[in-house]
Protein backbone atom coordinates (compact mmCIF):
# COMPACT_ATOMS: atom_id res chain seq x y z
CA MET A 1 -135.23 11.62 -168.85
CA GLN A 2 -133.28 14.82 -168.23
CA THR A 3 -133.31 15.90 -164.58
CA ALA A 4 -132.70 19.22 -162.86
CA PHE A 5 -129.09 18.17 -162.32
CA ASP A 6 -128.58 17.39 -166.02
CA ARG A 7 -130.06 20.74 -167.03
CA ALA A 8 -127.87 22.68 -164.60
CA TRP A 9 -124.71 21.06 -165.96
CA ALA A 10 -125.84 21.67 -169.55
CA VAL A 11 -126.45 25.37 -168.83
CA ARG A 12 -122.87 25.61 -167.53
CA ASN A 13 -121.47 23.81 -170.58
CA GLY A 14 -120.51 20.85 -168.45
CA ARG A 15 -117.82 18.58 -169.82
CA HIS A 16 -118.21 14.85 -169.18
CA GLU A 17 -115.16 12.72 -169.84
CA ALA A 18 -114.11 9.17 -169.01
CA MET A 19 -110.61 9.30 -167.50
CA MET A 20 -108.10 6.65 -166.54
CA CYS A 21 -106.96 6.73 -162.93
CA GLY A 22 -104.43 4.00 -162.42
CA SER A 23 -105.99 0.90 -163.97
CA ASP A 24 -109.57 2.13 -163.55
CA THR A 25 -111.80 4.31 -165.70
CA ILE A 26 -114.07 6.87 -164.03
CA MET A 27 -116.45 9.47 -165.41
CA VAL A 28 -115.49 13.01 -164.48
CA HIS A 29 -117.90 15.94 -164.75
CA ARG A 30 -116.32 19.41 -165.08
CA ALA A 31 -117.52 22.97 -165.58
CA GLY A 32 -115.81 26.35 -165.55
CA THR A 33 -112.16 27.26 -165.25
CA GLY A 34 -110.06 28.55 -162.39
CA ARG A 35 -109.47 27.39 -158.83
CA PRO A 36 -110.26 23.66 -158.57
CA LEU A 37 -113.22 22.55 -156.49
CA VAL A 38 -113.13 18.74 -156.36
CA CYS A 39 -116.44 17.32 -155.16
CA ILE A 40 -116.91 13.71 -154.00
CA HIS A 41 -120.49 12.48 -153.96
CA GLY A 42 -122.34 10.47 -151.35
CA TRP A 43 -123.28 6.81 -151.30
CA ALA A 44 -125.64 5.77 -154.15
CA MET A 45 -125.25 9.17 -155.80
CA GLY A 46 -122.97 10.64 -158.50
CA GLY A 47 -120.94 13.72 -159.34
CA LEU A 48 -123.91 15.45 -160.99
CA SER A 49 -125.38 15.91 -157.50
CA PHE A 50 -123.12 18.96 -157.11
CA ALA A 51 -125.16 20.88 -159.71
CA ALA A 52 -125.96 23.64 -157.20
CA GLN A 53 -122.25 24.36 -156.74
CA LEU A 54 -121.95 25.30 -160.41
CA ASP A 55 -122.87 28.86 -159.42
CA LEU A 56 -119.31 29.07 -158.08
CA VAL A 57 -118.08 29.00 -161.67
CA ASP A 58 -118.96 32.71 -161.67
CA GLN A 59 -116.58 33.15 -158.72
CA GLY A 60 -113.61 31.80 -160.64
CA PHE A 61 -113.85 28.09 -159.78
CA GLU A 62 -113.69 24.95 -161.87
CA VAL A 63 -116.09 22.37 -160.47
CA ILE A 64 -114.73 18.83 -160.87
CA ALA A 65 -117.08 16.06 -159.76
CA PRO A 66 -116.11 12.44 -160.51
CA ASP A 67 -118.40 9.44 -160.31
CA LEU A 68 -116.91 6.90 -157.93
CA PRO A 69 -116.61 3.30 -159.27
CA GLY A 70 -120.00 1.63 -159.60
CA PHE A 71 -121.87 4.92 -159.25
CA GLY A 72 -123.14 7.38 -161.84
CA GLU A 73 -121.50 6.60 -165.17
CA SER A 74 -118.37 4.95 -163.77
CA PRO A 75 -118.17 1.18 -164.21
CA ALA A 76 -117.73 -1.02 -161.17
CA THR A 77 -114.23 -2.31 -160.50
CA GLU A 78 -113.30 -5.96 -160.23
CA VAL A 79 -111.95 -5.35 -156.73
CA PRO A 80 -114.58 -4.35 -154.13
CA PRO A 81 -114.34 -0.63 -153.36
CA THR A 82 -112.80 0.51 -150.08
CA MET A 83 -112.15 3.96 -148.63
CA ASP A 84 -108.44 3.44 -149.41
CA MET A 85 -109.17 2.61 -153.03
CA MET A 86 -111.58 5.50 -153.55
CA ALA A 87 -109.20 7.98 -151.89
CA ASP A 88 -106.40 6.71 -154.14
CA LEU A 89 -108.58 7.25 -157.23
CA ILE A 90 -109.34 10.85 -156.27
CA ARG A 91 -105.67 11.45 -155.46
CA GLU A 92 -104.72 10.04 -158.87
CA LEU A 93 -107.31 12.24 -160.56
CA ILE A 94 -105.95 15.35 -158.86
CA SER A 95 -102.44 14.38 -159.91
CA ASN A 96 -103.40 13.51 -163.50
CA LEU A 97 -105.13 16.87 -163.91
CA ASP A 98 -102.10 18.55 -162.26
CA LEU A 99 -104.34 20.40 -159.83
CA SER A 100 -103.06 22.47 -156.93
CA GLU A 101 -104.68 24.59 -154.22
CA VAL A 102 -107.65 22.20 -154.33
CA THR A 103 -110.74 22.80 -152.23
CA LEU A 104 -111.98 19.28 -151.55
CA VAL A 105 -115.69 18.75 -150.81
CA GLY A 106 -117.15 15.44 -149.65
CA TRP A 107 -120.80 14.64 -149.09
CA SER A 108 -121.70 11.77 -146.76
CA MET A 109 -119.58 8.78 -147.87
CA GLY A 110 -117.62 11.24 -150.00
CA ALA A 111 -116.59 13.00 -146.79
CA SER A 112 -115.01 9.77 -145.55
CA VAL A 113 -113.09 9.53 -148.81
CA ALA A 114 -112.04 13.19 -148.54
CA TRP A 115 -110.91 12.83 -144.93
CA HIS A 116 -108.85 9.74 -145.73
CA LEU A 117 -107.24 11.44 -148.73
CA ALA A 118 -106.43 14.62 -146.78
CA ALA A 119 -104.96 12.67 -143.86
CA THR A 120 -102.62 10.67 -146.08
CA SER A 121 -101.72 13.22 -148.78
CA SER A 122 -102.56 16.90 -148.42
CA GLU A 123 -99.82 18.66 -150.41
CA ARG A 124 -102.17 19.60 -153.27
CA LEU A 125 -105.02 20.67 -150.98
CA LYS A 126 -105.97 24.16 -149.83
CA ALA A 127 -109.18 23.48 -147.90
CA LEU A 128 -111.72 20.75 -147.09
CA VAL A 129 -115.48 20.71 -146.56
CA SER A 130 -117.38 17.72 -145.21
CA ILE A 131 -121.16 17.53 -145.59
CA ASP A 132 -123.40 15.83 -143.01
CA MET A 133 -121.23 12.87 -142.14
CA SER A 134 -119.95 11.05 -139.09
CA PRO A 135 -116.33 9.88 -138.90
CA ARG A 136 -117.60 6.51 -137.66
CA VAL A 137 -120.92 5.28 -139.07
CA ALA A 138 -121.11 1.95 -137.26
CA PRO A 139 -121.95 1.93 -133.54
CA GLN A 140 -119.32 1.45 -130.85
CA GLU A 141 -119.60 1.56 -127.09
CA GLY A 142 -119.20 5.16 -125.92
CA TRP A 143 -119.61 6.58 -129.44
CA GLU A 144 -122.65 8.87 -129.76
CA PHE A 145 -122.59 9.61 -133.47
CA ALA A 146 -123.33 6.37 -135.31
CA LEU A 147 -125.87 6.21 -138.11
CA SER A 148 -127.99 4.04 -135.82
CA THR A 149 -127.24 2.73 -132.33
CA SER A 150 -129.35 -0.34 -133.10
CA MET A 151 -127.12 -1.53 -135.95
CA THR A 152 -125.45 -4.90 -135.49
CA ARG A 153 -123.36 -7.14 -137.71
CA GLU A 154 -126.56 -9.00 -138.56
CA THR A 155 -128.52 -5.86 -139.53
CA ILE A 156 -125.62 -4.63 -141.66
CA GLU A 157 -125.52 -7.95 -143.53
CA PHE A 158 -129.31 -7.84 -143.91
CA ALA A 159 -129.04 -4.37 -145.47
CA VAL A 160 -126.36 -5.58 -147.88
CA LYS A 161 -128.62 -8.44 -149.01
CA ALA A 162 -131.58 -6.06 -149.39
CA MET A 163 -129.52 -3.78 -151.62
CA ARG A 164 -128.54 -6.67 -153.87
CA ASN A 165 -131.99 -8.25 -154.02
CA ASP A 166 -134.16 -5.15 -154.53
CA TRP A 167 -132.05 -2.08 -155.23
CA ALA A 168 -134.97 0.07 -156.40
CA ASN A 169 -137.00 -0.47 -153.25
CA TYR A 170 -134.00 0.03 -150.99
CA CYS A 171 -133.19 3.31 -152.73
CA ASP A 172 -136.76 4.53 -152.30
CA LEU A 173 -136.43 4.14 -148.55
CA PHE A 174 -133.03 5.83 -148.54
CA LEU A 175 -134.15 8.75 -150.71
CA ASP A 176 -137.03 9.45 -148.34
CA ARG A 177 -134.48 10.27 -145.64
CA ILE A 178 -132.33 12.78 -147.51
CA LEU A 179 -134.39 15.98 -147.74
CA ALA A 180 -135.89 17.88 -144.82
CA GLU A 181 -138.79 19.11 -146.96
CA PRO A 182 -140.39 17.23 -149.88
CA ASN A 183 -139.17 18.44 -153.25
CA ALA A 184 -140.33 16.35 -156.19
CA GLU A 185 -137.83 17.82 -158.67
CA ILE A 186 -134.79 17.25 -156.46
CA ARG A 187 -135.96 13.82 -155.39
CA MET A 188 -136.39 12.81 -159.02
CA ALA A 189 -132.86 13.99 -159.80
CA LEU A 190 -131.45 12.06 -156.83
CA ALA A 191 -133.46 8.98 -157.82
CA GLY A 192 -132.05 9.20 -161.34
CA LEU A 193 -128.52 9.03 -159.95
CA ALA A 194 -129.37 6.18 -157.57
CA ALA A 195 -130.84 4.19 -160.46
CA GLN A 196 -127.48 4.31 -162.25
CA ALA A 197 -125.61 2.66 -159.39
CA ASP A 198 -124.45 -0.94 -159.61
CA PRO A 199 -126.18 -2.74 -156.69
CA ILE A 200 -123.24 -5.05 -156.00
CA ALA A 201 -120.70 -2.20 -155.98
CA ALA A 202 -123.05 -0.09 -153.86
CA SER A 203 -123.47 -2.87 -151.31
CA GLN A 204 -119.70 -3.39 -151.20
CA ALA A 205 -119.10 0.32 -150.68
CA TRP A 206 -121.71 0.33 -147.91
CA HIS A 207 -120.02 -2.61 -146.21
CA ALA A 208 -116.64 -0.84 -146.46
CA LEU A 209 -118.15 2.29 -144.96
CA MET A 210 -119.49 0.31 -142.00
CA GLN A 211 -115.94 -0.88 -141.30
CA PHE A 212 -114.30 2.54 -141.70
CA ASP A 213 -113.31 4.82 -138.83
CA ALA A 214 -111.98 8.26 -139.76
CA ARG A 215 -111.35 9.56 -136.24
CA ALA A 216 -107.60 8.97 -136.40
CA ASP A 217 -107.55 10.52 -139.88
CA LEU A 218 -109.16 13.72 -138.62
CA THR A 219 -106.32 14.41 -136.20
CA GLN A 220 -103.87 14.35 -139.13
CA ILE A 221 -105.70 16.93 -141.27
CA HIS A 222 -104.32 20.46 -140.95
CA VAL A 223 -105.77 22.29 -143.94
CA PRO A 224 -108.55 24.82 -143.17
CA ALA A 225 -111.82 22.90 -142.97
CA LEU A 226 -115.55 23.15 -142.39
CA ALA A 227 -117.92 20.43 -141.17
CA ILE A 228 -121.36 21.48 -142.44
CA HIS A 229 -124.41 19.65 -141.13
CA GLY A 230 -128.15 19.80 -141.59
CA GLY A 231 -130.11 20.82 -138.52
CA ARG A 232 -132.95 18.53 -139.60
CA SER A 233 -130.86 15.61 -140.80
CA VAL A 234 -132.36 12.29 -139.74
CA LEU A 235 -129.16 10.39 -140.54
CA TYR A 236 -126.61 12.03 -138.26
CA ALA A 237 -126.81 14.13 -135.11
CA GLN A 238 -125.96 17.74 -135.87
CA THR A 239 -123.61 17.79 -132.87
CA VAL A 240 -121.24 15.39 -134.64
CA GLY A 241 -119.84 18.55 -136.24
CA GLU A 242 -118.55 19.62 -132.84
CA GLU A 243 -116.73 16.30 -132.49
CA ILE A 244 -115.23 16.63 -135.98
CA ALA A 245 -114.04 20.16 -135.16
CA ARG A 246 -112.60 18.91 -131.86
CA LEU A 247 -110.58 16.22 -133.61
CA MET A 248 -109.51 18.23 -136.67
CA PRO A 249 -107.01 20.99 -135.72
CA ASN A 250 -108.16 23.70 -138.15
CA CYS A 251 -111.86 22.94 -138.54
CA ARG A 252 -115.09 24.76 -137.68
CA ALA A 253 -118.56 23.20 -137.46
CA VAL A 254 -121.60 24.84 -139.01
CA VAL A 255 -125.23 23.75 -138.77
CA LEU A 256 -127.71 24.95 -141.39
CA ASP A 257 -130.85 24.74 -139.30
CA ASP A 258 -133.53 24.30 -141.93
CA VAL A 259 -132.12 21.45 -144.02
CA GLY A 260 -131.55 17.71 -143.91
CA HIS A 261 -128.80 15.40 -145.17
CA ALA A 262 -127.99 17.46 -148.28
CA PRO A 263 -127.19 21.07 -147.24
CA HIS A 264 -125.37 21.75 -150.51
CA ILE A 265 -128.55 20.89 -152.44
CA GLU A 266 -131.23 22.12 -150.03
CA ALA A 267 -129.59 25.44 -149.12
CA PRO A 268 -127.11 26.15 -151.93
CA VAL A 269 -126.84 29.90 -151.38
CA ALA A 270 -125.85 29.56 -147.72
CA PHE A 271 -123.67 26.53 -148.38
CA ASN A 272 -121.85 28.11 -151.31
CA ALA A 273 -121.20 31.28 -149.30
CA TYR A 274 -119.44 29.24 -146.61
CA LEU A 275 -117.49 27.27 -149.19
CA LEU A 276 -116.42 30.42 -151.01
CA ASN A 277 -115.29 32.11 -147.80
CA LEU A 278 -113.31 29.04 -146.78
CA ALA A 279 -111.59 28.79 -150.16
CA LYS A 280 -110.64 32.46 -150.03
CA GLN A 281 -109.93 33.10 -146.35
CA GLY A 282 -109.93 29.91 -144.29
CA PRO A 283 -112.43 28.78 -141.65
CA PRO A 284 -114.53 31.37 -139.78
CA ALA A 285 -112.74 32.53 -136.64
CA ARG A 286 -115.81 32.72 -134.43
CA THR A 287 -117.24 30.02 -132.18
CA PRO A 288 -116.36 26.44 -133.11
CA PHE A 289 -120.07 25.58 -133.55
CA GLN A 290 -122.42 27.86 -135.44
CA HIS A 291 -126.16 27.52 -136.03
CA ILE A 292 -127.17 29.35 -139.20
CA SER A 293 -130.62 29.67 -140.75
CA ALA A 294 -130.55 28.52 -144.35
CA GLN A 295 -133.29 30.98 -145.25
């Protein structure tokens, strides 16, 4: 069944091509020509989830949105995915396409991948946008911005088993937490992407994410950056943006008040305006923490 995401890519004459990155094959979705906008999707999702950013094609951008291994149309790899591996794949993709002046966008888990890539190799990057993500998802004493303070090693392992045993049911629970307001069309499109994921690869990526800590990475990122968060996100505290901006030397935090975990989907006009301004001019030079109505 064709979803709203599929239709949006078709309208923009989206190109969908399997590409080799190192020894792995990944599906890469592309539309438009011009300045490269490389978008890394969130956990359980796929590159098509950046359909709302295709409006930036009219502003002279090429939208490039790969499916990470085991998600979307990319096959799972033999080696369990890690943040290192996924960052290397995106770096290889950028190199293979000979891209420069890249604006890198990462949603949720994709933000972790983007941060790790930018901290270890930023010469081809111009700017970076993270979407509703914490640099450390797992709890730690003194850390206020975990996904859940009640998570333990046992609950993480229980979640991994639940993903493998009943992926469809687990995804239903996860999808219910993404949007601030019910939207049947968007939820169906997100569910379509989640249904494509390989449960084993997804559980491995989740486990890797629980072990990852990007706080040291953030201090090494010097490209202009935005940390955009949803004011009604139930996954991460909106104030984590302040912490990201504190750690990252050239970053500003923005909260879109009326949206949840997917600001780029729920409030595309406001989100795209911030992204466009960053790509053209750098981060806004006002207060380090801005609350903006998405309406």
